[in-house]
Protein backbone atom coordinates (compact mmCIF):
# COMPACT_ATOMS: atom_id res chain seq x y z
CA MET A 1 0.27 0.08 -0.01
CA ILE A 2 0.90 3.42 -0.79
CA ARG A 3 0.41 6.54 -0.09
CA ARG A 4 -0.72 9.93 -2.03
CA ALA A 5 -1.98 13.15 -1.91
CA SER A 6 -5.71 13.65 -3.08
CA ALA A 7 -6.98 16.68 -4.59
CA TYR A 8 -7.90 17.86 -1.19
CA GLY A 9 -4.31 18.23 0.06
CA CYS A 10 -5.12 15.37 2.63
CA LYS A 11 -3.52 11.66 1.98
CA GLU A 12 -5.39 8.74 0.86
CA ASP A 13 -4.65 5.02 0.67
CA LEU A 14 -4.61 3.58 -2.69
CA PRO A 15 -3.56 -0.05 -3.97
CA ILE A 16 -0.23 -0.54 -5.65
CA LYS A 17 0.23 -3.76 -7.69
CA GLN A 18 3.05 -6.26 -7.38
CA THR A 19 4.40 -9.09 -9.79
CA ALA A 20 4.84 -12.39 -8.38
CA LEU A 21 8.78 -11.34 -8.31
CA PHE A 22 8.63 -8.14 -5.69
CA ASN A 23 10.18 -9.97 -3.02
CA ARG A 24 13.01 -11.41 -5.39
CA HIS A 25 13.66 -7.76 -6.21
CA GLN A 26 13.97 -6.58 -3.56
CA GLN A 27 16.39 -9.13 -2.45
CA SER A 28 18.19 -8.26 -5.16
CA GLY A 29 18.32 -4.69 -4.23
CA ALA A 30 16.17 -2.75 -6.96
CA SER A 31 15.48 0.98 -7.25
CA TRP A 32 11.62 1.39 -7.38
CA ILE A 33 8.99 3.25 -9.61
CA GLU A 34 5.40 2.96 -10.59
CA GLN A 35 4.91 1.93 -13.79
CA TYR A 36 0.54 2.38 -14.65
CA GLY A 37 -0.55 1.46 -10.94
CA TRP A 38 2.43 -1.84 -10.53
CA GLN A 39 5.82 -1.46 -8.45
CA VAL A 40 8.24 -2.19 -10.55
CA PRO A 41 12.28 -2.22 -10.75
CA ALA A 42 14.07 1.07 -12.27
CA TYR A 43 17.13 -0.33 -12.22
CA PHE A 44 19.47 -2.87 -10.40
CA SER A 45 22.63 -1.31 -10.82
CA LYS A 46 23.00 1.76 -13.71
CA PRO A 47 20.59 1.67 -16.14
CA GLU A 48 23.14 2.63 -18.70
CA ASP A 49 24.98 -0.68 -17.35
CA GLU A 50 22.47 -3.05 -17.48
CA ALA A 51 21.15 -1.79 -21.00
CA ALA A 52 25.41 -2.19 -22.08
CA ARG A 53 25.45 -5.41 -20.71
CA VAL A 54 21.95 -6.78 -22.48
CA ARG A 55 23.47 -5.73 -26.02
CA GLU A 56 26.80 -7.12 -25.38
CA SER A 57 25.72 -10.49 -23.72
CA VAL A 58 21.98 -11.21 -22.40
CA GLY A 59 19.89 -9.90 -19.42
CA LEU A 60 16.50 -11.01 -17.92
CA ALA A 61 13.76 -8.27 -17.01
CA ASP A 62 10.05 -9.16 -15.54
CA LEU A 63 7.24 -7.40 -17.68
CA SER A 64 4.74 -8.45 -15.75
CA TRP A 65 3.01 -5.50 -15.41
CA MET A 66 2.07 -5.18 -19.56
CA LEU A 67 -1.05 -5.96 -20.57
CA LYS A 68 -2.44 -9.39 -21.55
CA PHE A 69 -5.50 -10.19 -23.07
CA ASP A 70 -6.79 -14.06 -24.01
CA VAL A 71 -9.28 -13.38 -26.56
CA LYS A 72 -10.91 -16.74 -28.41
CA GLY A 73 -14.21 -17.43 -30.75
CA TYR A 74 -15.19 -17.75 -34.70
CA GLY A 75 -15.27 -13.50 -34.60
CA LEU A 76 -11.20 -14.37 -35.04
CA LYS A 77 -11.82 -15.45 -38.46
CA ASN A 78 -10.83 -12.15 -40.23
CA THR A 79 -7.23 -10.88 -39.64
CA LEU A 80 -7.25 -8.78 -36.37
CA ALA A 81 -5.74 -5.10 -36.76
CA LEU A 82 -5.74 -3.16 -33.10
CA GLY A 83 -2.96 -0.35 -34.40
CA GLU A 84 0.58 0.23 -33.33
CA GLY A 85 2.51 -1.06 -30.53
CA VAL A 86 -0.19 -3.81 -29.82
CA PHE A 87 0.82 -7.33 -30.60
CA SER A 88 -1.45 -10.34 -31.31
CA TRP A 89 -0.09 -13.66 -30.95
CA VAL A 90 -1.54 -17.15 -32.50
CA LEU A 91 -2.05 -19.69 -30.04
CA GLY A 92 -4.24 -22.34 -31.33
CA PRO A 93 -7.45 -22.12 -34.36
CA LEU A 94 -9.48 -19.01 -33.15
CA HIS A 95 -7.01 -17.61 -30.38
CA VAL A 96 -4.68 -15.53 -29.66
CA LEU A 97 -2.61 -13.87 -27.02
CA ILE A 98 -3.05 -9.92 -27.06
CA THR A 99 -0.16 -7.82 -25.49
CA CYS A 100 0.34 -4.47 -25.12
CA SER A 101 1.16 -1.13 -22.81
CA HIS A 102 -1.26 0.40 -20.57
CA SER A 103 -1.75 3.58 -22.96
CA SER A 104 -3.02 1.36 -25.45
CA ARG A 105 -5.61 0.05 -23.50
CA PRO A 106 -8.60 2.48 -24.66
CA GLU A 107 -8.08 1.52 -28.01
CA VAL A 108 -7.60 -2.01 -27.64
CA MET A 109 -10.90 -2.38 -25.54
CA ASP A 110 -12.78 -0.38 -28.05
CA ARG A 111 -11.79 -2.85 -31.05
CA LEU A 112 -12.58 -6.35 -28.71
CA GLN A 113 -15.85 -4.40 -28.19
CA GLY A 114 -16.70 -4.01 -31.33
CA LEU A 115 -15.76 -7.70 -32.48
CA GLN A 116 -18.06 -9.05 -29.46
CA THR A 117 -21.05 -7.25 -31.07
CA THR A 118 -20.44 -6.81 -34.28
CA GLY A 119 -22.75 -9.28 -36.90
CA ALA A 120 -23.92 -10.92 -33.81
CA ASP A 121 -26.17 -13.85 -34.07
CA LEU A 122 -28.68 -14.65 -30.88
CA SER A 123 -28.47 -18.33 -32.04
CA LEU A 124 -24.61 -18.36 -32.15
CA PRO A 125 -22.05 -17.83 -29.25
CA PRO A 126 -20.18 -14.42 -29.34
CA PRO A 127 -18.35 -13.92 -31.72
CA VAL A 128 -14.98 -13.45 -29.05
CA HIS A 129 -14.32 -14.28 -25.76
CA VAL A 130 -12.10 -12.16 -23.94
CA THR A 131 -10.31 -12.59 -20.66
CA GLU A 132 -8.05 -10.36 -19.14
CA VAL A 133 -4.87 -11.96 -17.80
CA THR A 134 -2.45 -9.59 -17.25
CA SER A 135 -2.34 -10.65 -13.37
CA VAL A 136 -2.79 -14.53 -14.35
CA TYR A 137 1.00 -14.54 -15.72
CA ALA A 138 4.52 -13.48 -14.59
CA GLN A 139 5.69 -12.03 -17.82
CA PHE A 140 9.62 -12.08 -18.51
CA LEU A 141 11.68 -10.39 -20.81
CA LEU A 142 15.34 -12.64 -22.15
CA ALA A 143 17.13 -10.55 -24.34
CA GLY A 144 21.09 -10.13 -25.67
CA PRO A 145 22.86 -12.38 -28.45
CA ARG A 146 23.20 -15.04 -25.68
CA CYS A 147 19.55 -15.26 -24.70
CA ARG A 148 19.36 -18.53 -26.97
CA GLN A 149 22.01 -19.75 -25.52
CA VAL A 150 20.35 -19.97 -22.51
CA LEU A 151 16.91 -20.60 -23.36
CA GLY A 152 17.99 -23.77 -25.04
CA LYS A 153 18.62 -25.23 -21.76
CA LEU A 154 15.56 -24.94 -20.40
CA THR A 155 13.23 -25.79 -23.52
CA SER A 156 12.81 -28.65 -25.90
CA LEU A 157 11.46 -25.77 -28.57
CA ASN A 158 13.01 -25.03 -32.08
CA LEU A 159 14.04 -21.46 -31.48
CA SER A 160 16.09 -21.31 -34.98
CA GLU A 161 15.68 -18.28 -37.25
CA GLY A 162 13.84 -20.64 -39.17
CA SER A 163 11.32 -21.92 -36.88
CA LEU A 164 10.78 -19.22 -34.62
CA PRO A 165 11.56 -15.78 -36.24
CA ASP A 166 10.91 -12.38 -35.00
CA LEU A 167 6.95 -11.81 -33.98
CA ALA A 168 6.45 -15.78 -33.94
CA CYS A 169 5.74 -17.69 -30.41
CA GLY A 170 5.36 -21.08 -29.65
CA GLN A 171 4.25 -22.95 -26.72
CA SER A 172 6.62 -25.58 -24.55
CA SER A 173 7.52 -26.47 -21.39
CA LEU A 174 10.11 -24.32 -19.67
CA ALA A 175 12.09 -25.37 -16.71
CA HIS A 176 9.35 -27.97 -16.21
CA VAL A 177 6.02 -25.50 -16.48
CA HIS A 178 4.04 -24.72 -19.33
CA ALA A 179 5.00 -21.51 -20.50
CA ILE A 180 4.45 -19.09 -23.75
CA ILE A 181 7.40 -18.06 -25.56
CA LEU A 182 7.24 -15.02 -27.82
CA ARG A 183 9.59 -14.01 -29.85
CA HIS A 184 9.88 -10.08 -30.03
CA ASP A 185 13.59 -8.92 -30.52
CA LEU A 186 14.77 -5.24 -29.52
CA ASN A 187 16.12 -2.83 -32.31
CA GLY A 188 17.47 -6.10 -33.58
CA ILE A 189 18.86 -7.62 -30.30
CA PRO A 190 17.77 -11.02 -29.94
CA ALA A 191 14.81 -11.12 -27.46
CA TYR A 192 12.00 -13.35 -26.09
CA GLN A 193 9.35 -12.52 -23.80
CA LEU A 194 8.67 -15.49 -21.30
CA LEU A 195 4.90 -16.04 -19.73
CA VAL A 196 4.25 -18.65 -17.12
CA SER A 197 1.87 -18.79 -14.23
CA ARG A 198 2.17 -16.45 -11.80
CA GLU A 199 2.52 -18.87 -9.14
CA TYR A 200 5.74 -20.77 -10.90
CA GLY A 201 7.02 -16.93 -11.49
CA GLU A 202 9.60 -17.15 -9.11
CA SER A 203 10.97 -20.77 -9.46
CA VAL A 204 11.71 -19.92 -13.27
CA TRP A 205 13.30 -16.41 -13.12
CA GLU A 206 15.10 -18.35 -10.91
CA SER A 207 15.62 -21.41 -13.10
CA VAL A 208 16.66 -18.53 -16.06
CA LEU A 209 19.13 -16.65 -13.78
CA HIS A 210 21.38 -19.95 -13.36
CA ALA A 211 21.15 -21.57 -16.91
CA GLY A 212 22.63 -17.69 -17.75
CA TYR A 213 25.53 -17.94 -14.84
CA GLU A 214 27.86 -18.77 -17.45
CA PHE A 215 27.63 -15.97 -19.81
CA HIS A 216 27.35 -13.38 -16.17
CA LEU A 217 22.83 -12.94 -16.71
CA GLU A 218 21.44 -10.22 -14.58
CA PRO A 219 18.16 -8.98 -13.78
CA PHE A 220 17.52 -5.55 -15.78
CA GLY A 221 15.12 -2.66 -14.81
CA LEU A 222 12.58 -0.39 -16.34
CA GLN A 223 15.05 2.15 -17.04
CA ALA A 224 17.63 0.09 -19.07
CA HIS A 225 14.51 -1.47 -20.78
CA GLN A 226 13.18 2.18 -22.01
CA LEU A 227 17.26 2.73 -23.40
CA LEU A 228 17.04 -0.55 -25.42
CA LYS A 229 14.06 0.01 -26.91
CA ALA A 230 15.31 4.07 -27.78
């Protein structure tokens, strides 16, 4: 719980969300920042050093605060266009996962609500079922030239360019836990987003760090992530 000033000058208690890795980040000496109502690591050391380590080798970040929507239904038969910065990942027939930043939420919700009602026939199921799953999954970003070598120790998924190019996705066991693996490079830097059930977040995080030990894998925060995207 944090305390913020209200419009009348007094203090009020407002909830702030924490990711499954909150305690682990505290132990790692994270400096915190609020991001769309979530408490997330701003940095662990110096943001510039963290970004440089990712560019040279590999790094791991917690992106669990990013919006995620699970969408299913026959309304997905046509191409789903949701705007810049919004990504639609095909998980199966008529089943997609949408990921985006919180700033894109109004646009995404308008589009999804339109899909739920457009051409609706009362004799049929709803065109799409939309479930927000932001808090259901822990979401990590593994990025850097060595990221494929690290990830290859933890999953049998084929990570070759031909099988999992940029903006492709797959599902597989990751450190003995079911995971959704999204390939999403950062300005030419190889990168994967790893989604696992929140309850397994800490154990998977530790497994990834252990797998990257030989490459000096360290966590990086939001500020380094922004530097890498710039």
